[in-house]
């Protein structure tokens, strides 16, 4: 059974496309999933120079059925993924009590539950093959009262990484988070191409050196 390279969920400009380029630079096929056709087309175009197979699919990460279908589509075209990166997040400023409960739940669905949906869909196959990598983009090294929904989501992501490691790690699935502690922008201390290096390093770590969190704090 052939195995693809990387699948990037939320392959928008910034970290998503930088990670896609980083894996493509190593000659790996890349699957791209995003909410809009424009985004996946832009992401695919950014990989044209690398000459690797590219598969695209459209899905909202909070839509369980659509996300599963998108993962199935990329797997059908490229083979089961060797590494999946969950990069989706709702980043918004909100203080305690400013958002209604529905908006908090919507943010959590993207920030945490979508990652769980993706992991539950791909990690059992990785475990059955004896290896694979699942990486979640995190943030908020410390909770901030001006970003309640994001702080709650990123705390949830850290717990999810631990739970997934407990469930699948013994079968060879490397689960990790990349914590980004600032606003991502090219040419800054939070350049997406620099951040993308963490994802490649985590994916290629020998099992006896696995880390479950990499931090990019801009220092």
Protein backbone atom coordinates (compact mmCIF):
# COMPACT_ATOMS: atom_id res chain seq x y z
CA UNK A 1 0.00 0.00 0.00
CA UNK A 2 1.44 3.33 -0.97
CA UNK A 3 1.60 6.01 1.70
CA UNK A 4 1.38 9.71 0.95
CA UNK A 5 3.43 12.43 2.52
CA UNK A 6 1.64 15.23 4.34
CA UNK A 7 -1.98 16.34 4.58
CA UNK A 8 -2.46 19.92 5.75
CA UNK A 9 -5.86 20.83 7.21
CA UNK A 10 -6.42 24.59 6.92
CA UNK A 11 -3.84 25.16 4.21
CA UNK A 12 -4.22 28.92 4.09
CA UNK A 13 -1.53 31.55 3.71
CA UNK A 14 0.83 31.61 6.65
CA UNK A 15 1.67 28.46 8.57
CA UNK A 16 -0.48 26.08 6.51
CA UNK A 17 1.13 26.83 3.18
CA UNK A 18 4.60 27.17 4.71
CA UNK A 19 4.31 23.66 6.16
CA UNK A 20 3.04 22.36 2.82
CA UNK A 21 6.07 23.87 1.07
CA UNK A 22 8.44 22.44 3.67
CA UNK A 23 7.22 18.90 3.12
CA UNK A 24 7.04 19.34 -0.65
CA UNK A 25 10.67 20.51 -0.61
CA UNK A 26 11.56 17.05 0.67
CA UNK A 27 9.79 15.47 -2.29
CA UNK A 28 6.72 14.31 -0.37
CA UNK A 29 3.24 14.36 -1.92
CA UNK A 30 0.94 16.87 -0.23
CA UNK A 31 -2.79 16.90 0.43
CA UNK A 32 -4.37 20.32 0.96
CA UNK A 33 -7.67 20.88 2.76
CA UNK A 34 -9.28 24.29 3.27
CA UNK A 35 -12.72 25.88 3.50
CA UNK A 36 -12.68 27.51 0.07
CA UNK A 37 -11.69 26.58 -3.45
CA UNK A 38 -9.71 29.81 -3.74
CA UNK A 39 -7.55 28.87 -0.77
CA UNK A 40 -6.77 25.34 -1.92
CA UNK A 41 -6.07 26.57 -5.45
CA UNK A 42 -3.65 29.17 -4.09
CA UNK A 43 -1.98 26.59 -1.89
CA UNK A 44 -1.65 24.14 -4.77
CA UNK A 45 -0.17 26.84 -7.00
CA UNK A 46 2.46 27.57 -4.35
CA UNK A 47 3.67 23.96 -4.64
CA UNK A 48 3.93 23.86 -8.44
CA UNK A 49 7.69 24.45 -8.43
CA UNK A 50 8.35 21.33 -6.35
CA UNK A 51 6.94 18.83 -8.83
CA UNK A 52 5.27 16.65 -6.22
CA UNK A 53 1.80 15.09 -6.44
CA UNK A 54 -0.84 17.37 -4.88
CA UNK A 55 -4.42 16.54 -3.92
CA UNK A 56 -6.97 19.12 -2.82
CA UNK A 57 -10.28 19.00 -0.98
CA UNK A 58 -12.70 21.52 0.47
CA UNK A 59 -14.06 21.20 4.00
CA UNK A 60 -14.88 23.25 7.05
CA UNK A 61 -12.92 21.68 9.89
CA UNK A 62 -15.95 21.99 12.17
CA UNK A 63 -18.07 19.90 9.78
CA UNK A 64 -17.35 16.34 10.82
CA UNK A 65 -18.75 14.67 7.70
CA UNK A 66 -17.07 17.11 5.31
CA UNK A 67 -13.71 16.81 7.07
CA UNK A 68 -13.80 13.03 7.00
CA UNK A 69 -14.77 13.07 3.33
CA UNK A 70 -11.92 15.47 2.53
CA UNK A 71 -9.42 13.21 4.27
CA UNK A 72 -10.80 10.24 2.36
CA UNK A 73 -10.46 12.15 -0.93
CA UNK A 74 -6.80 12.99 -0.38
CA UNK A 75 -6.10 9.41 0.73
CA UNK A 76 -7.81 8.03 -2.38
CA UNK A 77 -5.58 10.18 -4.59
CA UNK A 78 -2.28 9.96 -2.71
CA UNK A 79 -2.55 6.98 -0.38
CA UNK A 80 -2.99 6.93 3.40
CA UNK A 81 -1.14 9.87 4.97
CA UNK A 82 2.15 9.51 6.76
CA UNK A 83 1.70 12.87 8.50
CA UNK A 84 -1.39 15.00 9.11
CA UNK A 85 -1.15 18.61 10.29
CA UNK A 86 -4.22 20.21 11.84
CA UNK A 87 -3.76 23.95 11.47
CA UNK A 88 -7.32 25.28 11.83
CA UNK A 89 -8.22 27.87 14.47
CA UNK A 90 -10.60 30.72 15.14
CA UNK A 91 -8.44 33.59 16.37
CA UNK A 92 -10.49 36.37 17.92
CA UNK A 93 -10.26 38.80 20.81
CA UNK A 94 -12.91 38.22 23.47
CA UNK A 95 -12.93 38.88 27.17
CA UNK A 96 -14.87 36.82 29.76
CA UNK A 97 -18.58 37.03 29.02
CA UNK A 98 -18.28 38.95 25.76
CA UNK A 99 -19.15 36.02 23.50
CA UNK A 100 -22.46 34.19 23.73
CA UNK A 101 -22.28 30.49 24.51
CA UNK A 102 -23.00 29.57 20.89
CA UNK A 103 -19.97 31.52 19.67
CA UNK A 104 -17.77 29.89 22.31
CA UNK A 105 -18.95 26.47 21.18
CA UNK A 106 -18.35 27.34 17.53
CA UNK A 107 -14.78 28.39 18.33
CA UNK A 108 -14.14 25.22 20.32
CA UNK A 109 -15.49 23.12 17.47
CA UNK A 110 -12.79 24.48 15.17
CA UNK A 111 -9.96 24.85 17.67
CA UNK A 112 -10.26 21.44 19.32
CA UNK A 113 -13.07 19.16 18.10
CA UNK A 114 -11.98 19.32 14.47
CA UNK A 115 -8.54 18.11 15.50
CA UNK A 116 -10.14 15.22 17.38
CA UNK A 117 -12.27 14.35 14.35
CA UNK A 118 -9.21 14.31 12.08
CA UNK A 119 -7.11 12.29 14.51
CA UNK A 120 -9.84 9.73 15.10
CA UNK A 121 -10.12 9.31 11.33
CA UNK A 122 -6.44 8.88 10.45
CA UNK A 123 -4.58 7.75 13.57
CA UNK A 124 -6.02 4.21 13.75
CA UNK A 125 -4.71 3.57 10.23
CA UNK A 126 -1.31 4.96 11.19
CA UNK A 127 -1.27 2.73 14.25
CA UNK A 128 -2.19 -0.28 12.13
CA UNK A 129 0.74 0.47 9.80
CA UNK A 130 3.07 0.90 12.77
CA UNK A 131 3.84 4.59 12.35
CA UNK A 132 2.76 8.09 11.42
CA UNK A 133 2.69 11.65 12.69
CA UNK A 134 -0.20 13.85 13.79
CA UNK A 135 0.66 17.48 14.58
CA UNK A 136 -1.65 20.22 15.83
CA UNK A 137 -0.84 23.92 15.58
CA UNK A 138 -1.19 25.45 19.02
CA UNK A 139 -0.65 28.86 20.50
CA UNK A 140 -1.23 30.91 23.63
CA UNK A 141 1.72 29.72 25.73
CA UNK A 142 -0.12 31.35 28.63
CA UNK A 143 -3.90 32.01 28.89
CA UNK A 144 -4.90 35.63 28.31
CA UNK A 145 -8.17 37.19 29.50
CA UNK A 146 -8.38 39.18 26.26
CA UNK A 147 -8.51 35.94 24.24
CA UNK A 148 -10.82 33.67 26.19
CA UNK A 149 -12.06 31.40 23.38
CA UNK A 150 -8.57 30.97 21.94
CA UNK A 151 -7.03 30.34 25.37
CA UNK A 152 -9.62 27.67 26.12
CA UNK A 153 -9.09 26.12 22.72
CA UNK A 154 -5.34 25.95 22.97
CA UNK A 155 -5.56 24.46 26.46
CA UNK A 156 -7.85 21.85 24.96
CA UNK A 157 -5.35 21.15 22.19
CA UNK A 158 -2.58 20.45 24.70
CA UNK A 159 -4.81 17.97 26.53
CA UNK A 160 -5.85 16.40 23.24
CA UNK A 161 -2.22 15.83 22.25
CA UNK A 162 -1.66 14.03 25.56
CA UNK A 163 -4.76 11.87 25.12
CA UNK A 164 -3.90 10.96 21.54
CA UNK A 165 -0.37 10.04 22.55
CA UNK A 166 -1.74 7.79 25.27
CA UNK A 167 -4.10 6.15 22.78
CA UNK A 168 -1.84 5.75 19.74
CA UNK A 169 1.75 6.45 20.78
CA UNK A 170 2.57 2.88 21.74
CA UNK A 171 1.64 1.82 18.20
CA UNK A 172 4.13 4.23 16.65
CA UNK A 173 2.03 7.35 16.10
CA UNK A 174 3.93 10.50 17.02
CA UNK A 175 1.43 13.09 18.28
CA UNK A 176 2.69 16.60 18.94
CA UNK A 177 1.72 20.25 19.07
CA UNK A 178 3.55 23.31 17.78
CA UNK A 179 2.95 26.28 20.05
CA UNK A 180 3.29 29.62 18.27
CA UNK A 181 3.57 32.50 20.72
CA UNK A 182 2.96 35.51 18.48
CA UNK A 183 1.43 36.95 15.33
CA UNK A 184 2.66 35.10 12.25
CA UNK A 185 4.11 37.32 9.52
CA UNK A 186 6.92 36.93 6.97
CA UNK A 187 10.18 38.62 7.86
CA UNK A 188 9.45 38.73 11.58
CA UNK A 189 10.43 36.56 14.53
CA UNK A 190 7.30 34.58 13.67
CA UNK A 191 8.06 33.98 10.01
CA UNK A 192 5.92 31.05 8.81
CA UNK A 193 8.84 29.44 6.99
CA UNK A 194 10.82 29.36 10.22
CA UNK A 195 7.84 27.95 12.10
CA UNK A 196 7.40 25.24 9.46
CA UNK A 197 10.80 23.82 10.39
CA UNK A 198 9.33 22.60 13.68
CA UNK A 199 6.81 20.42 11.84
CA UNK A 200 9.47 18.75 9.71
CA UNK A 201 11.73 18.22 12.72
CA UNK A 202 8.91 16.62 14.73
CA UNK A 203 7.96 14.37 11.84
CA UNK A 204 11.51 13.11 11.37
CA UNK A 205 12.42 12.65 15.03
CA UNK A 206 13.57 9.14 15.97
CA UNK A 207 11.06 7.47 18.25
CA UNK A 208 13.39 7.49 21.24
CA UNK A 209 13.68 11.28 20.88
CA UNK A 210 10.02 12.15 20.36
CA UNK A 211 8.86 15.51 21.67
CA UNK A 212 5.18 16.25 22.14
CA UNK A 213 5.41 20.03 22.01
CA UNK A 214 7.63 22.41 20.09
CA UNK A 215 7.49 26.09 21.01
CA UNK A 216 8.19 28.98 18.70
CA UNK A 217 8.28 32.02 20.96
CA UNK A 218 10.19 34.44 18.77
CA UNK A 219 13.15 34.73 21.12
